[in-house]
PDB file of N, CA and C in Angstrom:
ATOM      1  N   MET A   1      67.663 197.711 106.256  1.00  0.00           N
ATOM      2  CA  MET A   1      68.745 198.379 106.948  1.00  0.00           C
ATOM      3  C   MET A   1      70.062 197.720 106.591  1.00  0.00           C
ATOM      4  N   LEU A   2      71.069 198.541 106.327  1.00  0.00           N
ATOM      5  CA  LEU A   2      72.399 198.026 105.989  1.00  0.00           C
ATOM      6  C   LEU A   2      73.151 197.627 107.244  1.00  0.00           C
ATOM      7  N   SER A   3      73.873 196.521 107.158  1.00  0.00           N
ATOM      8  CA  SER A   3      74.698 196.145 108.302  1.00  0.00           C
ATOM      9  C   SER A   3      76.050 196.860 108.199  1.00  0.00           C
ATOM     10  N   PRO A   4      76.640 197.206 109.341  1.00  0.00           N
ATOM     11  CA  PRO A   4      77.921 197.919 109.326  1.00  0.00           C
ATOM     12  C   PRO A   4      79.010 197.080 108.673  1.00  0.00           C
ATOM     13  N   ILE A   5      79.902 197.764 107.969  1.00  0.00           N
ATOM     14  CA  ILE A   5      81.038 197.100 107.327  1.00  0.00           C
ATOM     15  C   ILE A   5      82.206 197.113 108.301  1.00  0.00           C
ATOM     16  N   PRO A   6      82.795 195.969 108.575  1.00  0.00           N
ATOM     17  CA  PRO A   6      83.947 195.952 109.489  1.00  0.00           C
ATOM     18  C   PRO A   6      85.079 196.811 108.926  1.00  0.00           C
ATOM     19  N   ARG A   7      85.770 197.524 109.787  1.00  0.00           N
ATOM     20  CA  ARG A   7      86.950 198.282 109.363  1.00  0.00           C
ATOM     21  C   ARG A   7      88.050 198.099 110.393  1.00  0.00           C
ATOM     22  N   LEU A   8      89.267 198.117 109.915  1.00  0.00           N
ATOM     23  CA  LEU A   8      90.421 197.897 110.778  1.00  0.00           C
ATOM     24  C   LEU A   8      90.917 199.230 111.298  1.00  0.00           C
ATOM     25  N   VAL A   9      90.998 199.356 112.596  1.00  0.00           N
ATOM     26  CA  VAL A   9      91.537 200.551 113.232  1.00  0.00           C
ATOM     27  C   VAL A   9      92.657 200.086 114.144  1.00  0.00           C
ATOM     28  N   ALA A  10      93.879 200.465 113.769  1.00  0.00           N
ATOM     29  CA  ALA A  10      95.070 199.992 114.479  1.00  0.00           C
ATOM     30  C   ALA A  10      95.025 198.469 114.512  1.00  0.00           C
ATOM     31  N   ALA A  11      94.929 197.875 115.703  1.00  0.00           N
ATOM     32  CA  ALA A  11      94.898 196.417 115.779  1.00  0.00           C
ATOM     33  C   ALA A  11      93.556 195.928 116.303  1.00  0.00           C
ATOM     34  N   VAL A  12      92.500 196.734 116.111  1.00  0.00           N
ATOM     35  CA  VAL A  12      91.176 196.372 116.603  1.00  0.00           C
ATOM     36  C   VAL A  12      90.189 196.458 115.446  1.00  0.00           C
ATOM     37  N   VAL A  13      89.304 195.480 115.304  1.00  0.00           N
ATOM     38  CA  VAL A  13      88.260 195.499 114.287  1.00  0.00           C
ATOM     39  C   VAL A  13      86.957 195.914 114.961  1.00  0.00           C
ATOM     40  N   ILE A  14      86.281 196.904 114.384  1.00  0.00           N
ATOM     41  CA  ILE A  14      85.014 197.368 114.937  1.00  0.00           C
ATOM     42  C   ILE A  14      83.896 196.798 114.061  1.00  0.00           C
ATOM     43  N   THR A  15      83.014 196.000 114.662  1.00  0.00           N
ATOM     44  CA  THR A  15      81.880 195.426 113.920  1.00  0.00           C
ATOM     45  C   THR A  15      80.620 195.639 114.734  1.00  0.00           C
ATOM     46  N   GLY A  16      79.702 196.375 114.169  1.00  0.00           N
ATOM     47  CA  GLY A  16      78.402 196.569 114.803  1.00  0.00           C
ATOM     48  C   GLY A  16      78.473 197.013 116.247  1.00  0.00           C
ATOM     49  N   GLY A  17      79.393 197.860 116.591  1.00  0.00           N
ATOM     50  CA  GLY A  17      79.489 198.387 117.942  1.00  0.00           C
ATOM     51  C   GLY A  17      80.272 197.520 118.901  1.00  0.00           C
ATOM     52  N   SER A  18      80.732 196.340 118.461  1.00  0.00           N
ATOM     53  CA  SER A  18      81.526 195.474 119.332  1.00  0.00           C
ATOM     54  C   SER A  18      82.995 195.560 118.931  1.00  0.00           C
ATOM     55  N   LEU A  19      83.862 195.515 119.912  1.00  0.00           N
ATOM     56  CA  LEU A  19      85.298 195.520 119.644  1.00  0.00           C
ATOM     57  C   LEU A  19      85.786 194.084 119.603  1.00  0.00           C
ATOM     58  N   VAL A  20      86.495 193.753 118.558  1.00  0.00           N
ATOM     59  CA  VAL A  20      87.053 192.418 118.404  1.00  0.00           C
ATOM     60  C   VAL A  20      88.550 192.567 118.206  1.00  0.00           C
ATOM     61  N   ALA A  21      89.320 191.928 119.050  1.00  0.00           N
ATOM     62  CA  ALA A  21      90.776 192.024 118.929  1.00  0.00           C
ATOM     63  C   ALA A  21      91.230 191.333 117.657  1.00  0.00           C
ATOM     64  N   ALA A  22      92.141 191.995 116.935  1.00  0.00           N
ATOM     65  CA  ALA A  22      92.714 191.400 115.732  1.00  0.00           C
ATOM     66  C   ALA A  22      93.696 190.313 116.153  1.00  0.00           C
ATOM     67  N   PRO A  23      93.956 189.350 115.263  1.00  0.00           N
ATOM     68  CA  PRO A  23      94.922 188.306 115.607  1.00  0.00           C
ATOM     69  C   PRO A  23      96.267 188.927 115.932  1.00  0.00           C
ATOM     70  N   SER A  24      96.941 188.362 116.909  1.00  0.00           N
ATOM     71  CA  SER A  24      98.242 188.915 117.290  1.00  0.00           C
ATOM     72  C   SER A  24      99.270 188.607 116.210  1.00  0.00           C
ATOM     73  N   VAL A  25     100.196 189.528 116.060  1.00  0.00           N
ATOM     74  CA  VAL A  25     101.268 189.364 115.094  1.00  0.00           C
ATOM     75  C   VAL A  25     102.542 189.081 115.866  1.00  0.00           C
ATOM     76  N   ALA A  26     103.232 188.040 115.503  1.00  0.00           N
ATOM     77  CA  ALA A  26     104.464 187.686 116.195  1.00  0.00           C
ATOM     78  C   ALA A  26     105.499 188.782 115.988  1.00  0.00           C
ATOM     79  N   ALA A  27     106.134 189.190 117.057  1.00  0.00           N
ATOM     80  CA  ALA A  27     107.166 190.227 116.965  1.00  0.00           C
ATOM     81  C   ALA A  27     108.400 189.652 116.295  1.00  0.00           C
ATOM     82  N   ALA A  28     108.988 190.447 115.415  1.00  0.00           N
ATOM     83  CA  ALA A  28     110.219 190.020 114.749  1.00  0.00           C
ATOM     84  C   ALA A  28     111.348 189.968 115.766  1.00  0.00           C
ATOM     85  N   ALA A  29     112.259 189.070 115.551  1.00  0.00           N
ATOM     86  CA  ALA A  29     113.419 188.965 116.434  1.00  0.00           C
ATOM     87  C   ALA A  29     114.192 190.277 116.400  1.00  0.00           C
ATOM     88  N   THR A  30     114.619 190.719 117.550  1.00  0.00           N
ATOM     89  CA  THR A  30     115.335 191.980 117.654  1.00  0.00           C
ATOM     90  C   THR A  30     116.822 191.738 117.450  1.00  0.00           C
ATOM     91  N   ASP A  31     117.417 192.508 116.545  1.00  0.00           N
ATOM     92  CA  ASP A  31     118.854 192.423 116.269  1.00  0.00           C
ATOM     93  C   ASP A  31     119.582 193.298 117.265  1.00  0.00           C
ATOM     94  N   VAL A  32     120.443 192.718 118.049  1.00  0.00           N
ATOM     95  CA  VAL A  32     121.213 193.478 119.029  1.00  0.00           C
ATOM     96  C   VAL A  32     122.719 193.407 118.761  1.00  0.00           C
ATOM     97  N   THR A  33     123.103 192.753 117.682  1.00  0.00           N
ATOM     98  CA  THR A  33     124.518 192.594 117.361  1.00  0.00           C
ATOM     99  C   THR A  33     124.990 193.752 116.490  1.00  0.00           C
ATOM    100  N   PRO A  34     125.992 194.492 116.946  1.00  0.00           N
ATOM    101  CA  PRO A  34     126.475 195.614 116.132  1.00  0.00           C
ATOM    102  C   PRO A  34     127.322 195.123 114.957  1.00  0.00           C
ATOM    103  N   PRO A  35     127.475 195.984 113.955  1.00  0.00           N
ATOM    104  CA  PRO A  35     128.360 195.630 112.830  1.00  0.00           C
ATOM    105  C   PRO A  35     129.820 195.574 113.288  1.00  0.00           C
ATOM    106  N   SER A  36     130.654 195.046 112.422  1.00  0.00           N
ATOM    107  CA  SER A  36     132.086 195.025 112.723  1.00  0.00           C
ATOM    108  C   SER A  36     132.637 196.447 112.703  1.00  0.00           C
ATOM    109  N   VAL A  37     133.735 196.635 113.386  1.00  0.00           N
ATOM    110  CA  VAL A  37     134.369 197.952 113.462  1.00  0.00           C
ATOM    111  C   VAL A  37     135.016 198.274 112.117  1.00  0.00           C
ATOM    112  N   PRO A  38     134.790 199.475 111.574  1.00  0.00           N
ATOM    113  CA  PRO A  38     135.472 199.853 110.329  1.00  0.00           C
ATOM    114  C   PRO A  38     136.995 199.803 110.525  1.00  0.00           C
ATOM    115  N   GLN A  39     137.680 199.295 109.527  1.00  0.00           N
ATOM    116  CA  GLN A  39     139.137 199.107 109.603  1.00  0.00           C
ATOM    117  C   GLN A  39     139.848 199.868 108.495  1.00  0.00           C
ATOM    118  N   ASN A  40     141.139 200.065 108.685  1.00  0.00           N
ATOM    119  CA  ASN A  40     142.030 200.574 107.638  1.00  0.00           C
ATOM    120  C   ASN A  40     141.673 201.995 107.186  1.00  0.00           C
ATOM    121  N   LEU A  41     141.373 202.886 108.128  1.00  0.00           N
ATOM    122  CA  LEU A  41     141.149 204.287 107.765  1.00  0.00           C
ATOM    123  C   LEU A  41     142.417 204.857 107.168  1.00  0.00           C
ATOM    124  N   HIS A  42     142.269 205.540 106.050  1.00  0.00           N
ATOM    125  CA  HIS A  42     143.421 206.175 105.412  1.00  0.00           C
ATOM    126  C   HIS A  42     142.951 207.333 104.538  1.00  0.00           C
ATOM    127  N   VAL A  43     143.884 208.176 104.173  1.00  0.00           N
ATOM    128  CA  VAL A  43     143.600 209.317 103.309  1.00  0.00           C
ATOM    129  C   VAL A  43     144.208 209.038 101.953  1.00  0.00           C
ATOM    130  N   SER A  44     143.438 209.298 100.910  1.00  0.00           N
ATOM    131  CA  SER A  44     143.941 209.125  99.550  1.00  0.00           C
ATOM    132  C   SER A  44     143.614 210.367  98.737  1.00  0.00           C
ATOM    133  N   GLY A  45     144.254 210.503  97.592  1.00  0.00           N
ATOM    134  CA  GLY A  45     143.963 211.591  96.677  1.00  0.00           C
ATOM    135  C   GLY A  45     144.663 212.892  96.977  1.00  0.00           C
ATOM    136  N   GLU A  46     145.512 212.915  97.994  1.00  0.00           N
ATOM    137  CA  GLU A  46     146.206 214.160  98.333  1.00  0.00           C
ATOM    138  C   GLU A  46     147.057 214.670  97.175  1.00  0.00           C
ATOM    139  N   ASP A  47     147.615 213.749  96.409  1.00  0.00           N
ATOM    140  CA  ASP A  47     148.471 214.142  95.283  1.00  0.00           C
ATOM    141  C   ASP A  47     147.675 214.801  94.158  1.00  0.00           C
ATOM    142  N   ARG A  48     146.367 214.616  94.147  1.00  0.00           N
ATOM    143  CA  ARG A  48     145.502 215.233  93.126  1.00  0.00           C
ATOM    144  C   ARG A  48     144.763 216.448  93.682  1.00  0.00           C
ATOM    145  N   GLY A  49     145.087 216.848  94.904  1.00  0.00           N
ATOM    146  CA  GLY A  49     144.460 218.017  95.497  1.00  0.00           C
ATOM    147  C   GLY A  49     143.097 217.758  96.103  1.00  0.00           C
ATOM    148  N   GLN A  50     142.731 216.502  96.255  1.00  0.00           N
ATOM    149  CA  GLN A  50     141.434 216.163  96.838  1.00  0.00           C
ATOM    150  C   GLN A  50     141.636 215.050  97.860  1.00  0.00           C
ATOM    151  N   ALA A  51     141.626 215.390  99.137  1.00  0.00           N
ATOM    152  CA  ALA A  51     141.859 214.409 100.190  1.00  0.00           C
ATOM    153  C   ALA A  51     140.558 213.691 100.537  1.00  0.00           C
ATOM    154  N   ILE A  52     140.584 212.382 100.414  1.00  0.00           N
ATOM    155  CA  ILE A  52     139.415 211.539 100.683  1.00  0.00           C
ATOM    156  C   ILE A  52     139.761 210.572 101.816  1.00  0.00           C
ATOM    157  N   ILE A  53     138.887 210.479 102.803  1.00  0.00           N
ATOM    158  CA  ILE A  53     139.029 209.467 103.850  1.00  0.00           C
ATOM    159  C   ILE A  53     138.348 208.208 103.336  1.00  0.00           C
ATOM    160  N   SER A  54     139.022 207.086 103.460  1.00  0.00           N
ATOM    161  CA  SER A  54     138.461 205.800 103.025  1.00  0.00           C
ATOM    162  C   SER A  54     138.663 204.773 104.127  1.00  0.00           C
ATOM    163  N   TRP A  55     137.842 203.730 104.105  1.00  0.00           N
ATOM    164  CA  TRP A  55     137.980 202.629 105.049  1.00  0.00           C
ATOM    165  C   TRP A  55     137.406 201.365 104.433  1.00  0.00           C
ATOM    166  N   ASP A  56     137.782 200.228 105.009  1.00  0.00           N
ATOM    167  CA  ASP A  56     137.249 198.947 104.550  1.00  0.00           C
ATOM    168  C   ASP A  56     135.806 198.812 105.044  1.00  0.00           C
ATOM    169  N   PRO A  57     134.934 198.220 104.232  1.00  0.00           N
ATOM    170  CA  PRO A  57     133.533 198.095 104.649  1.00  0.00           C
ATOM    171  C   PRO A  57     133.371 197.194 105.868  1.00  0.00           C
ATOM    172  N   SER A  58     132.419 197.549 106.701  1.00  0.00           N
ATOM    173  CA  SER A  58     132.070 196.722 107.856  1.00  0.00           C
ATOM    174  C   SER A  58     131.125 195.614 107.398  1.00  0.00           C
ATOM    175  N   THR A  59     130.984 194.608 108.223  1.00  0.00           N
ATOM    176  CA  THR A  59     130.024 193.534 107.951  1.00  0.00           C
ATOM    177  C   THR A  59     129.031 193.476 109.108  1.00  0.00           C
ATOM    178  N   ASP A  60     127.864 192.900 108.823  1.00  0.00           N
ATOM    179  CA  ASP A  60     126.837 192.783 109.846  1.00  0.00           C
ATOM    180  C   ASP A  60     126.077 191.482 109.651  1.00  0.00           C
ATOM    181  N   ASP A  61     125.559 190.937 110.743  1.00  0.00           N
ATOM    182  CA  ASP A  61     124.808 189.677 110.640  1.00  0.00           C
ATOM    183  C   ASP A  61     123.525 189.817 109.826  1.00  0.00           C
ATOM    184  N   SER A  62     123.051 191.041 109.634  1.00  0.00           N
ATOM    185  CA  SER A  62     121.866 191.256 108.801  1.00  0.00           C
ATOM    186  C   SER A  62     122.212 191.200 107.315  1.00  0.00           C
ATOM    187  N   GLY A  63     123.501 191.254 107.007  1.00  0.00           N
ATOM    188  CA  GLY A  63     123.946 191.221 105.619  1.00  0.00           C
ATOM    189  C   GLY A  63     124.177 192.594 105.027  1.00  0.00           C
ATOM    190  N   THR A  64     123.871 193.659 105.779  1.00  0.00           N
ATOM    191  CA  THR A  64     124.054 195.001 105.234  1.00  0.00           C
ATOM    192  C   THR A  64     124.395 195.994 106.335  1.00  0.00           C
ATOM    193  N   VAL A  65     125.082 197.038 105.939  1.00  0.00           N
ATOM    194  CA  VAL A  65     125.341 198.168 106.826  1.00  0.00           C
ATOM    195  C   VAL A  65     124.505 199.324 106.301  1.00  0.00           C
ATOM    196  N   ARG A  66     123.736 199.959 107.168  1.00  0.00           N
ATOM    197  CA  ARG A  66     122.831 201.040 106.757  1.00  0.00           C
ATOM    198  C   ARG A  66     123.586 202.314 106.385  1.00  0.00           C
ATOM    199  N   HIS A  67     124.502 202.725 107.260  1.00  0.00           N
ATOM    200  CA  HIS A  67     125.336 203.892 107.004  1.00  0.00           C
ATOM    201  C   HIS A  67     126.496 203.901 107.987  1.00  0.00           C
ATOM    202  N   TYR A  68     127.332 204.895 107.844  1.00  0.00           N
ATOM    203  CA  TYR A  68     128.464 205.089 108.735  1.00  0.00           C
ATOM    204  C   TYR A  68     128.339 206.462 109.380  1.00  0.00           C
ATOM    205  N   TRP A  69     128.958 206.629 110.526  1.00  0.00           N
ATOM    206  CA  TRP A  69     129.129 207.950 111.123  1.00  0.00           C
ATOM    207  C   TRP A  69     130.604 208.301 111.037  1.00  0.00           C
ATOM    208  N   VAL A  70     130.909 209.474 110.523  1.00  0.00           N
ATOM    209  CA  VAL A  70     132.263 210.004 110.555  1.00  0.00           C
ATOM    210  C   VAL A  70     132.300 210.969 111.735  1.00  0.00           C
ATOM    211  N   LEU A  71     133.191 210.694 112.655  1.00  0.00           N
ATOM    212  CA  LEU A  71     133.318 211.536 113.847  1.00  0.00           C
ATOM    213  C   LEU A  71     134.637 212.300 113.791  1.00  0.00           C
ATOM    214  N   VAL A  72     134.583 213.554 114.146  1.00  0.00           N
ATOM    215  CA  VAL A  72     135.780 214.378 114.225  1.00  0.00           C
ATOM    216  C   VAL A  72     135.929 214.794 115.680  1.00  0.00           C
ATOM    217  N   ASP A  73     137.040 214.397 116.277  1.00  0.00           N
ATOM    218  CA  ASP A  73     137.286 214.673 117.692  1.00  0.00           C
ATOM    219  C   ASP A  73     136.115 214.216 118.560  1.00  0.00           C
ATOM    220  N   GLY A  74     135.533 213.054 118.211  1.00  0.00           N
ATOM    221  CA  GLY A  74     134.459 212.455 118.989  1.00  0.00           C
ATOM    222  C   GLY A  74     133.068 212.974 118.691  1.00  0.00           C
ATOM    223  N   GLN A  75     132.939 213.951 117.806  1.00  0.00           N
ATOM    224  CA  GLN A  75     131.635 214.530 117.479  1.00  0.00           C
ATOM    225  C   GLN A  75     131.156 214.029 116.115  1.00  0.00           C
ATOM    226  N   GLN A  76     129.896 213.590 116.036  1.00  0.00           N
ATOM    227  CA  GLN A  76     129.338 213.141 114.765  1.00  0.00           C
ATOM    228  C   GLN A  76     129.284 214.315 113.797  1.00  0.00           C
ATOM    229  N   ARG A  77     129.856 214.110 112.597  1.00  0.00           N
ATOM    230  CA  ARG A  77     129.893 215.200 111.623  1.00  0.00           C
ATOM    231  C   ARG A  77     129.308 214.831 110.266  1.00  0.00           C
ATOM    232  N   ALA A  78     129.306 213.553 109.914  1.00  0.00           N
ATOM    233  CA  ALA A  78     128.797 213.150 108.597  1.00  0.00           C
ATOM    234  C   ALA A  78     128.234 211.747 108.693  1.00  0.00           C
ATOM    235  N   ARG A  79     127.298 211.428 107.765  1.00  0.00           N
ATOM    236  CA  ARG A  79     126.644 210.116 107.760  1.00  0.00           C
ATOM    237  C   ARG A  79     126.630 209.540 106.347  1.00  0.00           C
ATOM    238  N   PRO A  80     127.789 209.142 105.826  1.00  0.00           N
ATOM    239  CA  PRO A  80     127.816 208.573 104.474  1.00  0.00           C
ATOM    240  C   PRO A  80     127.305 207.135 104.452  1.00  0.00           C
ATOM    241  N   THR A  81     126.820 206.733 103.287  1.00  0.00           N
ATOM    242  CA  THR A  81     126.445 205.332 103.089  1.00  0.00           C
ATOM    243  C   THR A  81     127.590 204.577 102.411  1.00  0.00           C
ATOM    244  N   ALA A  82     128.525 205.311 101.835  1.00  0.00           N
ATOM    245  CA  ALA A  82     129.691 204.712 101.179  1.00  0.00           C
ATOM    246  C   ALA A  82     130.851 204.643 102.175  1.00  0.00           C
ATOM    247  N   THR A  83     131.937 204.034 101.758  1.00  0.00           N
ATOM    248  CA  THR A  83     133.107 203.885 102.625  1.00  0.00           C
ATOM    249  C   THR A  83     134.173 204.948 102.317  1.00  0.00           C
ATOM    250  N   THR A  84     133.724 206.114 101.903  1.00  0.00           N
ATOM    251  CA  THR A  84     134.618 207.243 101.654  1.00  0.00           C
ATOM    252  C   THR A  84     133.922 208.531 102.081  1.00  0.00           C
ATOM    253  N   TYR A  85     134.736 209.552 102.359  1.00  0.00           N
ATOM    254  CA  TYR A  85     134.180 210.880 102.634  1.00  0.00           C
ATOM    255  C   TYR A  85     135.243 211.920 102.329  1.00  0.00           C
ATOM    256  N   ASP A  86     134.819 213.007 101.739  1.00  0.00           N
ATOM    257  CA  ASP A  86     135.710 214.076 101.308  1.00  0.00           C
ATOM    258  C   ASP A  86     136.057 214.972 102.497  1.00  0.00           C
ATOM    259  N   ILE A  87     137.335 215.136 102.773  1.00  0.00           N
ATOM    260  CA  ILE A  87     137.761 215.978 103.891  1.00  0.00           C
ATOM    261  C   ILE A  87     137.352 217.435 103.661  1.00  0.00           C
ATOM    262  N   GLU A  88     137.385 217.900 102.412  1.00  0.00           N
ATOM    263  CA  GLU A  88     136.975 219.277 102.127  1.00  0.00           C
ATOM    264  C   GLU A  88     135.525 219.520 102.553  1.00  0.00           C
ATOM    265  N   THR A  89     134.672 218.512 102.405  1.00  0.00           N
ATOM    266  CA  THR A  89     133.283 218.638 102.845  1.00  0.00           C
ATOM    267  C   THR A  89     133.220 218.775 104.365  1.00  0.00           C
ATOM    268  N   LEU A  90     134.054 218.022 105.078  1.00  0.00           N
ATOM    269  CA  LEU A  90     134.101 218.168 106.529  1.00  0.00           C
ATOM    270  C   LEU A  90     134.499 219.587 106.919  1.00  0.00           C
ATOM    271  N   VAL A  91     135.478 220.136 106.211  1.00  0.00           N
ATOM    272  CA  VAL A  91     135.975 221.475 106.533  1.00  0.00           C
ATOM    273  C   VAL A  91     134.935 222.533 106.201  1.00  0.00           C
ATOM    274  N   LEU A  92     134.357 222.475 104.994  1.00  0.00           N
ATOM    275  CA  LEU A  92     133.444 223.525 104.550  1.00  0.00           C
ATOM    276  C   LEU A  92     132.033 223.406 105.135  1.00  0.00           C
ATOM    277  N   LEU A  93     131.432 222.241 105.034  1.00  0.00           N
ATOM    278  CA  LEU A  93     130.048 222.083 105.489  1.00  0.00           C
ATOM    279  C   LEU A  93     129.924 221.799 106.979  1.00  0.00           C
ATOM    280  N   CYS A  94     130.879 221.078 107.508  1.00  0.00           N
ATOM    281  CA  CYS A  94     130.798 220.704 108.924  1.00  0.00           C
ATOM    282  C   CYS A  94     131.604 221.655 109.805  1.00  0.00           C
ATOM    283  N   ARG A  95     132.215 222.629 109.182  1.00  0.00           N
ATOM    284  CA  ARG A  95     132.950 223.693 109.888  1.00  0.00           C
ATOM    285  C   ARG A  95     134.049 223.174 110.794  1.00  0.00           C
ATOM    286  N   ILE A  96     134.855 222.286 110.254  1.00  0.00           N
ATOM    287  CA  ILE A  96     136.020 221.801 110.983  1.00  0.00           C
ATOM    288  C   ILE A  96     137.089 222.886 110.898  1.00  0.00           C
ATOM    289  N   THR A  97     137.627 223.261 112.014  1.00  0.00           N
ATOM    290  CA  THR A  97     138.585 224.357 112.069  1.00  0.00           C
ATOM    291  C   THR A  97     140.003 223.893 111.716  1.00  0.00           C
ATOM    292  N   SER A  98     140.868 224.856 111.467  1.00  0.00           N
ATOM    293  CA  SER A  98     142.281 224.550 111.192  1.00  0.00           C
ATOM    294  C   SER A  98     142.913 223.920 112.421  1.00  0.00           C
ATOM    295  N   GLY A  99     143.905 223.076 112.176  1.00  0.00           N
ATOM    296  CA  GLY A  99     144.636 222.429 113.260  1.00  0.00           C
ATOM    297  C   GLY A  99     144.516 220.921 113.206  1.00  0.00           C
ATOM    298  N   PRO A 100     145.078 220.239 114.203  1.00  0.00           N
ATOM    299  CA  PRO A 100     145.047 218.773 114.231  1.00  0.00           C
ATOM    300  C   PRO A 100     143.699 218.238 114.712  1.00  0.00           C
ATOM    301  N   HIS A 101     143.266 217.125 114.115  1.00  0.00           N
ATOM    302  CA  HIS A 101     141.996 216.483 114.491  1.00  0.00           C
ATOM    303  C   HIS A 101     142.144 214.969 114.384  1.00  0.00           C
ATOM    304  N   ASP A 102     141.376 214.261 115.185  1.00  0.00           N
ATOM    305  CA  ASP A 102     141.282 212.803 115.084  1.00  0.00           C
ATOM    306  C   ASP A 102     139.942 212.449 114.450  1.00  0.00           C
ATOM    307  N   ILE A 103     140.001 211.634 113.394  1.00  0.00           N
ATOM    308  CA  ILE A 103     138.794 211.168 112.716  1.00  0.00           C
ATOM    309  C   ILE A 103     138.619 209.687 113.016  1.00  0.00           C
ATOM    310  N   THR A 104     137.404 209.313 113.386  1.00  0.00           N
ATOM    311  CA  THR A 104     137.050 207.906 113.572  1.00  0.00           C
ATOM    312  C   THR A 104     135.753 207.651 112.805  1.00  0.00           C
ATOM    313  N   VAL A 105     135.447 206.366 112.605  1.00  0.00           N
ATOM    314  CA  VAL A 105     134.242 205.977 111.871  1.00  0.00           C
ATOM    315  C   VAL A 105     133.537 204.874 112.651  1.00  0.00           C
ATOM    316  N   GLU A 106     132.206 204.943 112.688  1.00  0.00           N
ATOM    317  CA  GLU A 106     131.363 203.884 113.252  1.00  0.00           C
ATOM    318  C   GLU A 106     130.441 203.369 112.163  1.00  0.00           C
ATOM    319  N   ALA A 107     130.137 202.083 112.192  1.00  0.00           N
ATOM    320  CA  ALA A 107     129.173 201.492 111.265  1.00  0.00           C
ATOM    321  C   ALA A 107     127.829 201.351 111.992  1.00  0.00           C
ATOM    322  N   VAL A 108     126.726 201.498 111.231  1.00  0.00           N
ATOM    323  CA  VAL A 108     125.378 201.377 111.787  1.00  0.00           C
ATOM    324  C   VAL A 108     124.589 200.391 110.930  1.00  0.00           C
ATOM    325  N   ASP A 109     123.937 199.422 111.570  1.00  0.00           N
ATOM    326  CA  ASP A 109     123.167 198.422 110.812  1.00  0.00           C
ATOM    327  C   ASP A 109     121.700 198.841 110.695  1.00  0.00           C
ATOM    328  N   PRO A 110     120.882 198.071 109.982  1.00  0.00           N
ATOM    329  CA  PRO A 110     119.464 198.444 109.810  1.00  0.00           C
ATOM    330  C   PRO A 110     118.684 198.561 111.118  1.00  0.00           C
ATOM    331  N   SER A 111     119.118 197.887 112.181  1.00  0.00           N
ATOM    332  CA  SER A 111     118.453 197.989 113.481  1.00  0.00           C
ATOM    333  C   SER A 111     119.022 199.123 114.326  1.00  0.00           C
ATOM    334  N   LEU A 112     119.898 199.912 113.717  1.00  0.00           N
ATOM    335  CA  LEU A 112     120.549 201.068 114.350  1.00  0.00           C
ATOM    336  C   LEU A 112     121.536 200.693 115.449  1.00  0.00           C
ATOM    337  N   ASN A 113     122.039 199.455 115.413  1.00  0.00           N
ATOM    338  CA  ASN A 113     123.143 199.082 116.284  1.00  0.00           C
ATOM    339  C   ASN A 113     124.400 199.740 115.740  1.00  0.00           C
ATOM    340  N   ARG A 114     125.216 200.282 116.633  1.00  0.00           N
ATOM    341  CA  ARG A 114     126.440 200.966 116.214  1.00  0.00           C
ATOM    342  C   ARG A 114     127.658 200.159 116.613  1.00  0.00           C
ATOM    343  N   SER A 115     128.620 200.106 115.708  1.00  0.00           N
ATOM    344  CA  SER A 115     129.876 199.442 116.032  1.00  0.00           C
ATOM    345  C   SER A 115     130.678 200.318 116.984  1.00  0.00           C
ATOM    346  N   ALA A 116     131.735 199.759 117.503  1.00  0.00           N
ATOM    347  CA  ALA A 116     132.706 200.583 118.226  1.00  0.00           C
ATOM    348  C   ALA A 116     133.395 201.484 117.205  1.00  0.00           C
ATOM    349  N   GLN A 117     134.038 202.533 117.675  1.00  0.00           N
ATOM    350  CA  GLN A 117     134.747 203.437 116.772  1.00  0.00           C
ATOM    351  C   GLN A 117     136.009 202.771 116.232  1.00  0.00           C
ATOM    352  N   SER A 118     136.335 203.149 115.016  1.00  0.00           N
ATOM    353  CA  SER A 118     137.571 202.674 114.397  1.00  0.00           C
ATOM    354  C   SER A 118     138.764 203.278 115.128  1.00  0.00           C
ATOM    355  N   ALA A 119     139.937 202.771 114.805  1.00  0.00           N
ATOM    356  CA  ALA A 119     141.160 203.413 115.295  1.00  0.00           C
ATOM    357  C   ALA A 119     141.197 204.823 114.714  1.00  0.00           C
ATOM    358  N   PRO A 120     141.678 205.801 115.462  1.00  0.00           N
ATOM    359  CA  PRO A 120     141.675 207.177 114.965  1.00  0.00           C
ATOM    360  C   PRO A 120     142.672 207.402 113.831  1.00  0.00           C
ATOM    361  N   LEU A 121     142.299 208.294 112.941  1.00  0.00           N
ATOM    362  CA  LEU A 121     143.172 208.754 111.866  1.00  0.00           C
ATOM    363  C   LEU A 121     143.442 210.230 112.157  1.00  0.00           C
ATOM    364  N   GLY A 122     144.700 210.556 112.358  1.00  0.00           N
ATOM    365  CA  GLY A 122     145.062 211.936 112.651  1.00  0.00           C
ATOM    366  C   GLY A 122     145.235 212.728 111.366  1.00  0.00           C
ATOM    367  N   ILE A 123     144.594 213.907 111.293  1.00  0.00           N
ATOM    368  CA  ILE A 123     144.765 214.801 110.146  1.00  0.00           C
ATOM    369  C   ILE A 123     145.060 216.201 110.674  1.00  0.00           C
ATOM    370  N   THR A 124     145.625 217.013 109.825  1.00  0.00           N
ATOM    371  CA  THR A 124     145.824 218.420 110.150  1.00  0.00           C
ATOM    372  C   THR A 124     145.188 219.247 109.044  1.00  0.00           C
ATOM    373  N   VAL A 125     144.275 220.116 109.441  1.00  0.00           N
ATOM    374  CA  VAL A 125     143.597 220.995 108.478  1.00  0.00           C
ATOM    375  C   VAL A 125     144.366 222.309 108.440  1.00  0.00           C
ATOM    376  N   ARG A 126     144.707 222.725 107.220  1.00  0.00           N
ATOM    377  CA  ARG A 126     145.446 223.994 107.071  1.00  0.00           C
ATOM    378  C   ARG A 126     144.560 225.047 106.501  1.00  0.00           C
TER     379      ARG A 126
END
């Protein structure tokens, strides 16, 4: 008669009908520190017919920023990984209407901690 082969199911090993708890795994330290607030929001490229929002990169204690949120009038509209975003994309894909709007940016780290919002950048969509 063959003896049963142990197999791992979740965190429990089943051997011959007996349940044996697997060794515990130490939980990784939880990161609760948000990234720095994005700074220096500005628009560039208007003279070339392509308005781009840019900002200085945020920093995080993990060493990396996962992505940014671009908010228009307080609503999340885009999630770039770079420190730029095309305003035309906000207008066309995110359906930003004509008129004045405030744009802010938040940084997000690998643990999904979010920074505070940047200072607002006022734009007018025509």
